[in-house]
Amino acid sequence: MRWLHGTADLNRQGNGTATVRAPTPRLYRATRSVPVFIDEYKPYDMQRQRLNTLHRYLRRLYRGETEERGRPDLKVNSYHLQAPVCVAGETRPTEAALLERILTSNPEKTTLKEKSAYQEAHRELRSVDLVLFAPRYIQFCLGRNFDADLEVARGVAKALLVGRKVPVRIAENLTVMLLGVHLFEEFAKHCGCELPDDLGVEAAVNAVLDDVLETDHGVKNALDHFLEMLGVMAVQGLLKHRVHYAFDSGRLALHLESAYDAFRAHCKRIDYEGEVVDLKALRRLVLESKKQGGFVASESERVHFDGGRRRAVLVDLDKTKVVTADDFPTSDEGGGSGFRESFRSRWNDS
């Protein structure tokens, strides 16, 4: 798995995130074009503090923020975080805040073996010093009309994304990728090199969207992960029907407070490493989902539970792919409670 933060490309030297400290702010400000390459991204094999630091820098780099560090003479050094970053590893981040800021690439190991043309191209690339390619290409790019090239890329992106619901950040990321492809084509034309008619641009865009867009409304947020985990907990018997959840006219009714308490306890018990927001933030995501036409049908509906009628969040299961009704067993489907009911009825009838 390789994922590109901003407009990064690969180079040959980098840092191993599992064994070497993440790059410092001084390195993140040193370049705006040559990417910082970080290898061996393995979140489950990294110290939590270093992983959080890396993710925090990646979010700040996307916004071009400024890092300030104090000096012994009481002055302050300011670092403009602006470097493009390329990270290579076996997986990618799952945080919604990062997924909307990256371009992903998932090369298959078997591709080089199956495609002889790819093998030949790979051998040719490895036989030359690609560092010598950079100055001429950079000079070419600096001489281009950037606004005109960007307009071409935006037009292609608009044509490829027509009819699809794509978040603004992801659409901008794809525009940057298409701009790079356009410049590559123009540079090849400038050098008199022939390229195939189809460079696989549409396939690349679809691959990125399929990997990053995990739901109908975009990337998975904390509410999606919360609902997905509740489905697992219900199957395991950690959530109780008519206590934590019920069904109302075919919709899933969640008693948010009790379900959230069970969710937090379960996350602590299994050492869950995903994003866990507080109840206030979760309510805000619930309200946003309803306003955006997501899977939340109502943020506060009075529904009958065992203890009486309570306020609940109604989930339209037809509008989400993270769970189904089968993930939330009911007491009518059998199991321990069903056995007790049949046991009572058998003896009462006699």
Protein backbone atom coordinates (compact mmCIF):
# COMPACT_ATOMS: atom_id res chain seq x y z
CA MET A 1 0.00 0.00 0.00
CA ARG A 2 1.29 3.42 -0.91
CA TRP A 3 -0.62 6.54 -0.13
CA LEU A 4 0.29 10.03 -1.17
CA HIS A 5 -0.34 13.02 1.05
CA GLY A 6 -0.73 16.16 -1.02
CA THR A 7 1.14 15.89 -4.33
CA ALA A 8 3.96 13.58 -3.32
CA ASP A 9 5.92 11.26 -5.60
CA LEU A 10 8.31 8.48 -4.65
CA ASN A 11 12.03 8.87 -4.26
CA ARG A 12 14.64 6.39 -3.21
CA GLN A 13 15.47 7.40 0.32
CA GLY A 14 13.19 7.69 3.29
CA ASN A 15 12.58 7.09 6.94
CA GLY A 16 11.25 3.96 8.57
CA THR A 17 8.42 5.03 10.87
CA ALA A 18 8.69 1.90 13.01
CA THR A 19 12.39 2.29 13.79
CA VAL A 20 13.27 5.92 13.08
CA ARG A 21 11.68 9.04 14.48
CA ALA A 22 9.28 10.81 12.15
CA PRO A 23 10.73 13.75 10.19
CA THR A 24 11.12 17.01 12.07
CA PRO A 25 9.41 20.34 11.28
CA ARG A 26 12.69 21.53 9.76
CA LEU A 27 12.43 18.83 7.09
CA TYR A 28 8.73 19.47 6.53
CA ARG A 29 9.47 23.11 5.68
CA ALA A 30 12.57 22.42 3.54
CA THR A 31 10.73 21.59 0.32
CA ARG A 32 7.55 22.33 -1.59
CA SER A 33 8.18 19.97 -4.49
CA VAL A 34 10.59 17.17 -3.59
CA PRO A 35 8.56 14.81 -1.39
CA VAL A 36 9.45 13.54 2.05
CA PHE A 37 9.30 9.76 1.81
CA ILE A 38 8.38 7.71 4.90
CA ASP A 39 8.67 3.94 4.63
CA GLU A 40 7.41 1.02 6.73
CA TYR A 41 4.14 2.57 7.85
CA LYS A 42 2.83 -0.04 10.30
CA PRO A 43 0.43 1.55 12.79
CA TYR A 44 0.10 -1.62 14.85
CA ASP A 45 3.88 -1.85 15.27
CA MET A 46 4.47 1.81 16.13
CA GLN A 47 4.41 3.58 19.45
CA ARG A 48 1.06 5.29 19.91
CA GLN A 49 2.62 8.68 20.64
CA ARG A 50 4.77 8.62 17.48
CA LEU A 51 1.84 7.47 15.37
CA ASN A 52 -0.36 10.29 16.68
CA THR A 53 2.46 12.78 16.05
CA LEU A 54 2.85 11.60 12.46
CA HIS A 55 -0.89 11.82 11.80
CA ARG A 56 -1.06 15.27 13.38
CA TYR A 57 1.74 16.54 11.13
CA LEU A 58 0.04 15.10 8.05
CA ARG A 59 -3.17 16.95 8.85
CA ARG A 60 -1.27 20.19 9.46
CA LEU A 61 0.78 19.80 6.28
CA TYR A 62 -2.38 19.63 4.22
CA ARG A 63 -3.46 23.00 5.59
CA GLY A 64 0.04 24.51 5.35
CA GLU A 65 0.15 25.46 9.02
CA THR A 66 3.07 26.95 10.93
CA GLU A 67 4.93 25.12 13.71
CA GLU A 68 6.65 27.21 16.34
CA ARG A 69 9.48 25.98 18.57
CA GLY A 70 11.03 27.87 21.46
CA ARG A 71 14.77 28.55 21.67
CA PRO A 72 17.08 28.84 24.71
CA ASP A 73 17.40 32.59 24.11
CA LEU A 74 13.59 32.88 24.48
CA LYS A 75 13.11 33.56 20.77
CA VAL A 76 10.86 31.43 18.58
CA ASN A 77 11.65 29.49 15.41
CA SER A 78 8.76 29.27 12.95
CA TYR A 79 8.47 26.41 10.46
CA HIS A 80 6.03 26.62 7.57
CA LEU A 81 4.82 23.03 7.10
CA GLN A 82 4.52 22.66 3.33
CA ALA A 83 6.37 19.55 2.12
CA PRO A 84 4.50 16.90 0.11
CA VAL A 85 4.74 13.54 1.86
CA CYS A 86 4.66 10.01 0.49
CA VAL A 87 4.13 7.13 2.91
CA ALA A 88 4.64 3.47 2.02
CA GLY A 89 3.42 0.54 4.07
CA GLU A 90 1.10 -2.43 4.29
CA THR A 91 -1.96 -0.38 5.20
CA ARG A 92 -3.32 3.15 5.28
CA PRO A 93 -4.87 5.36 7.96
CA THR A 94 -8.52 4.86 8.81
CA GLU A 95 -9.17 8.30 10.32
CA ALA A 96 -11.74 10.23 8.33
CA ALA A 97 -9.70 13.43 8.69
CA LEU A 98 -6.74 11.80 6.92
CA LEU A 99 -8.65 9.77 4.34
CA GLU A 100 -10.01 12.96 2.81
CA ARG A 101 -6.48 14.33 2.48
CA ILE A 102 -4.63 11.49 0.72
CA LEU A 103 -4.32 9.74 -2.62
CA THR A 104 -3.95 5.98 -2.32
CA SER A 105 -2.25 3.47 -4.58
CA ASN A 106 -2.50 -0.30 -4.12
CA PRO A 107 -0.01 -2.01 -6.45
CA GLU A 108 -0.39 -5.77 -6.69
CA LYS A 109 2.74 -7.87 -6.33
CA THR A 110 1.66 -10.22 -9.11
CA THR A 111 1.30 -7.46 -11.72
CA LEU A 112 4.97 -7.46 -12.76
CA LYS A 113 4.90 -11.24 -13.20
CA GLU A 114 1.67 -11.29 -15.17
CA LYS A 115 2.39 -8.37 -17.52
CA SER A 116 5.55 -8.74 -19.61
CA ALA A 117 5.29 -5.12 -20.81
CA TYR A 118 5.30 -3.96 -17.20
CA GLN A 119 8.40 -6.04 -16.49
CA GLU A 120 10.24 -4.43 -19.38
CA ALA A 121 9.19 -0.94 -18.30
CA HIS A 122 10.26 -1.69 -14.73
CA ARG A 123 13.69 -2.91 -15.85
CA GLU A 124 14.16 0.18 -18.00
CA LEU A 125 13.31 2.49 -15.11
CA ARG A 126 15.74 0.73 -12.79
CA SER A 127 18.52 0.91 -15.36
CA VAL A 128 18.65 4.71 -15.42
CA ASP A 129 19.38 7.37 -12.83
CA LEU A 130 15.99 9.01 -12.35
CA VAL A 131 17.56 11.87 -10.41
CA LEU A 132 18.81 13.24 -13.73
CA PHE A 133 15.22 13.40 -14.94
CA ALA A 134 14.13 15.87 -12.26
CA PRO A 135 15.90 19.11 -13.33
CA ARG A 136 14.62 19.02 -16.88
CA TYR A 137 11.09 18.15 -15.80
CA ILE A 138 11.04 20.85 -13.12
CA GLN A 139 12.29 23.40 -15.64
CA PHE A 140 9.54 22.34 -18.03
CA CYS A 141 6.84 22.67 -15.36
CA LEU A 142 8.06 26.12 -14.31
CA GLY A 143 7.63 27.31 -17.88
CA ARG A 144 4.02 26.20 -18.12
CA ASN A 145 0.87 28.28 -17.78
CA PHE A 146 -0.25 26.85 -14.45
CA ASP A 147 -3.76 28.31 -14.51
CA ALA A 148 -4.45 26.85 -17.96
CA ASP A 149 -3.11 23.42 -16.99
CA LEU A 150 -5.13 23.42 -13.78
CA GLU A 151 -8.26 24.31 -15.71
CA VAL A 152 -7.68 21.30 -17.99
CA ALA A 153 -7.30 19.04 -14.95
CA ARG A 154 -10.46 20.43 -13.36
CA GLY A 155 -12.39 19.79 -16.56
CA VAL A 156 -11.24 16.16 -16.70
CA ALA A 157 -12.04 15.68 -13.01
CA LYS A 158 -15.51 17.13 -13.49
CA ALA A 159 -16.16 14.79 -16.42
CA LEU A 160 -14.95 11.70 -14.53
CA LEU A 161 -16.87 12.53 -11.34
CA VAL A 162 -20.16 13.51 -12.96
CA GLY A 163 -23.09 11.87 -11.20
CA ARG A 164 -20.99 10.82 -8.20
CA LYS A 165 -21.24 12.23 -4.69
CA VAL A 166 -17.63 13.03 -3.81
CA PRO A 167 -16.45 15.24 -0.90
CA VAL A 168 -14.74 18.46 -1.93
CA ARG A 169 -11.32 17.50 -0.54
CA ILE A 170 -11.27 14.19 -2.41
CA ALA A 171 -12.30 15.91 -5.64
CA GLU A 172 -9.45 18.40 -5.17
CA ASN A 173 -6.98 15.58 -4.50
CA LEU A 174 -8.02 13.85 -7.72
CA THR A 175 -7.66 17.14 -9.59
CA VAL A 176 -4.06 17.37 -8.36
CA MET A 177 -3.42 13.81 -9.55
CA LEU A 178 -4.93 14.56 -12.96
CA LEU A 179 -2.84 17.72 -13.20
CA GLY A 180 0.27 15.59 -12.72
CA VAL A 181 -0.83 13.18 -15.45
CA HIS A 182 -1.55 16.09 -17.80
CA LEU A 183 1.90 17.60 -17.19
CA PHE A 184 3.49 14.19 -17.75
CA GLU A 185 1.70 13.87 -21.09
CA GLU A 186 2.72 17.37 -22.13
CA PHE A 187 6.33 16.74 -21.13
CA ALA A 188 6.41 13.53 -23.17
CA LYS A 189 5.03 15.44 -26.14
CA HIS A 190 7.66 18.14 -25.60
CA CYS A 191 10.40 15.48 -25.66
CA GLY A 192 8.99 13.78 -28.75
CA CYS A 193 8.01 10.59 -26.89
CA GLU A 194 4.89 8.68 -27.82
CA LEU A 195 2.55 7.56 -25.07
CA PRO A 196 -0.39 5.13 -25.19
CA ASP A 197 -3.73 6.72 -25.96
CA ASP A 198 -5.11 5.54 -22.62
CA LEU A 199 -2.90 5.92 -19.56
CA GLY A 200 -5.57 4.44 -17.31
CA VAL A 201 -6.69 7.74 -15.83
CA GLU A 202 -10.32 6.73 -15.39
CA ALA A 203 -9.30 3.41 -13.82
CA ALA A 204 -6.97 5.25 -11.43
CA VAL A 205 -9.71 7.67 -10.36
CA ASN A 206 -12.15 4.81 -9.78
CA ALA A 207 -9.54 2.89 -7.79
CA VAL A 208 -8.94 5.85 -5.47
CA LEU A 209 -12.65 6.42 -4.97
CA ASP A 210 -13.34 2.74 -4.31
CA ASP A 211 -10.61 2.67 -1.68
CA VAL A 212 -11.33 5.96 0.06
CA LEU A 213 -15.11 6.29 -0.22
CA GLU A 214 -16.38 3.61 2.16
CA THR A 215 -19.94 4.91 2.47
CA ASP A 216 -22.51 6.65 0.29
CA HIS A 217 -21.77 10.02 1.90
CA GLY A 218 -17.98 9.77 1.75
CA VAL A 219 -15.33 8.36 4.04
CA LYS A 220 -16.29 6.55 7.23
CA ASN A 221 -16.58 8.93 10.14
CA ALA A 222 -16.83 8.23 13.87
CA LEU A 223 -20.59 7.65 13.60
CA ASP A 224 -20.11 4.95 10.96
CA HIS A 225 -17.49 3.19 13.09
CA PHE A 226 -19.76 3.50 16.13
CA LEU A 227 -22.70 1.90 14.33
CA GLU A 228 -20.47 -0.81 12.86
CA MET A 229 -19.10 -1.69 16.30
CA LEU A 230 -22.61 -1.79 17.77
CA GLY A 231 -23.50 -4.44 15.20
CA VAL A 232 -20.56 -6.57 16.33
CA MET A 233 -21.47 -6.07 19.99
CA ALA A 234 -25.10 -7.02 19.35
CA VAL A 235 -24.07 -10.27 17.65
CA GLN A 236 -21.79 -11.05 20.61
CA GLY A 237 -24.60 -10.43 23.06
CA LEU A 238 -23.03 -7.31 24.57
CA LEU A 239 -26.05 -5.21 23.58
CA LYS A 240 -29.56 -6.19 24.64
CA HIS A 241 -32.67 -5.98 22.53
CA ARG A 242 -35.23 -3.51 23.94
CA VAL A 243 -32.56 -2.15 26.30
CA HIS A 244 -29.91 -0.68 24.02
CA TYR A 245 -31.80 -1.00 20.73
CA ALA A 246 -35.18 -1.87 19.29
CA PHE A 247 -36.94 -1.81 15.94
CA ASP A 248 -39.58 0.74 15.01
CA SER A 249 -41.40 0.33 11.69
CA GLY A 250 -38.40 -1.50 10.23
CA ARG A 251 -35.93 1.12 11.40
CA LEU A 252 -33.25 0.54 14.02
CA ALA A 253 -33.86 2.57 17.18
CA LEU A 254 -30.76 3.19 19.30
CA HIS A 255 -30.91 4.45 22.86
CA LEU A 256 -27.82 6.55 22.32
CA GLU A 257 -26.72 7.08 25.93
CA SER A 258 -26.77 3.43 27.04
CA ALA A 259 -25.40 2.18 23.71
CA TYR A 260 -22.57 4.71 23.89
CA ASP A 261 -21.67 3.64 27.46
CA ALA A 262 -21.52 0.00 26.36
CA PHE A 263 -19.46 1.02 23.31
CA ARG A 264 -16.90 2.92 25.41
CA ALA A 265 -16.57 0.03 27.86
CA HIS A 266 -16.10 -2.44 25.00
CA CYS A 267 -13.47 -0.26 23.31
CA LYS A 268 -11.52 -0.05 26.56
CA ARG A 269 -11.77 -3.80 27.08
CA ILE A 270 -10.46 -4.74 23.62
CA ASP A 271 -7.97 -1.85 23.43
CA TYR A 272 -9.75 -0.42 20.38
CA GLU A 273 -7.37 1.77 18.36
CA GLY A 274 -9.92 3.52 16.19
CA GLU A 275 -11.38 6.97 16.68
CA VAL A 276 -13.64 7.34 19.73
CA VAL A 277 -15.38 10.70 20.07
CA ASP A 278 -17.32 11.97 23.05
CA LEU A 279 -21.10 11.85 23.26
CA LYS A 280 -21.51 15.50 22.31
CA ALA A 281 -19.49 15.06 19.11
CA LEU A 282 -21.44 11.88 18.33
CA ARG A 283 -24.72 13.76 18.64
CA ARG A 284 -23.40 16.40 16.25
CA LEU A 285 -22.56 13.69 13.70
CA VAL A 286 -26.05 12.24 14.15
CA LEU A 287 -27.60 15.64 13.41
CA GLU A 288 -25.32 16.16 10.39
CA SER A 289 -26.30 12.75 8.99
CA LYS A 290 -30.00 13.64 9.23
CA LYS A 291 -29.53 17.06 7.61
CA GLN A 292 -27.43 15.58 4.78
CA GLY A 293 -29.98 12.86 4.02
CA GLY A 294 -27.84 10.09 5.52
CA PHE A 295 -28.92 6.97 7.36
CA VAL A 296 -30.24 8.87 10.42
CA ALA A 297 -34.01 9.19 9.96
CA SER A 298 -34.60 10.95 13.29
CA GLU A 299 -32.23 12.17 15.97
CA SER A 300 -34.81 12.05 18.78
CA GLU A 301 -37.86 9.82 18.43
CA ARG A 302 -39.91 8.36 21.28
CA VAL A 303 -39.72 4.56 20.96
CA HIS A 304 -40.98 1.79 23.23
CA PHE A 305 -38.27 -0.12 25.11
CA ASP A 306 -38.70 -2.59 27.98
CA GLY A 307 -38.52 0.18 30.56
CA GLY A 308 -41.06 2.36 28.76
CA ARG A 309 -40.85 4.96 26.02
CA ARG A 310 -37.46 6.64 25.56
CA ARG A 311 -35.85 9.04 23.13
CA ALA A 312 -33.89 7.16 20.48
CA VAL A 313 -31.98 7.69 17.26
CA LEU A 314 -33.72 6.07 14.29
CA VAL A 315 -31.44 4.51 11.68
CA ASP A 316 -32.66 3.70 8.18
CA LEU A 317 -30.77 0.49 7.47
CA ASP A 318 -31.49 0.78 3.75
CA LYS A 319 -29.21 3.84 3.62
CA THR A 320 -26.12 2.33 5.22
CA LYS A 321 -23.80 -0.50 4.27
CA VAL A 322 -21.95 -0.85 7.57
CA VAL A 323 -24.68 -2.92 9.26
CA THR A 324 -27.91 -4.75 8.45
CA ALA A 325 -30.92 -5.82 10.49
CA ASP A 326 -29.36 -9.28 10.80
CA ASP A 327 -26.58 -7.77 12.94
CA PHE A 328 -29.08 -6.87 15.66
CA PRO A 329 -30.83 -10.02 16.98
CA THR A 330 -34.22 -9.68 18.63
CA SER A 331 -35.61 -11.66 21.53
CA ASP A 332 -38.18 -13.16 19.15
CA GLU A 333 -35.47 -14.91 17.13
CA GLY A 334 -34.68 -17.57 19.74
CA GLY A 335 -31.73 -17.98 22.05
CA GLY A 336 -31.91 -17.96 25.84
CA SER A 337 -34.93 -15.68 26.18
CA GLY A 338 -36.84 -17.60 23.54
CA PHE A 339 -36.19 -20.89 25.37
CA ARG A 340 -37.47 -19.43 28.64
CA GLU A 341 -40.62 -18.18 26.96
CA SER A 342 -41.31 -21.57 25.38
CA PHE A 343 -40.54 -23.27 28.72
CA ARG A 344 -43.07 -21.06 30.54
CA SER A 345 -45.74 -21.47 27.89
CA ARG A 346 -45.33 -25.25 27.87
CA TRP A 347 -45.93 -25.55 31.62
CA ASN A 348 -48.63 -22.87 31.73
CA ASP A 349 -50.55 -24.65 28.99
CA SER A 350 -50.41 -27.88 30.94
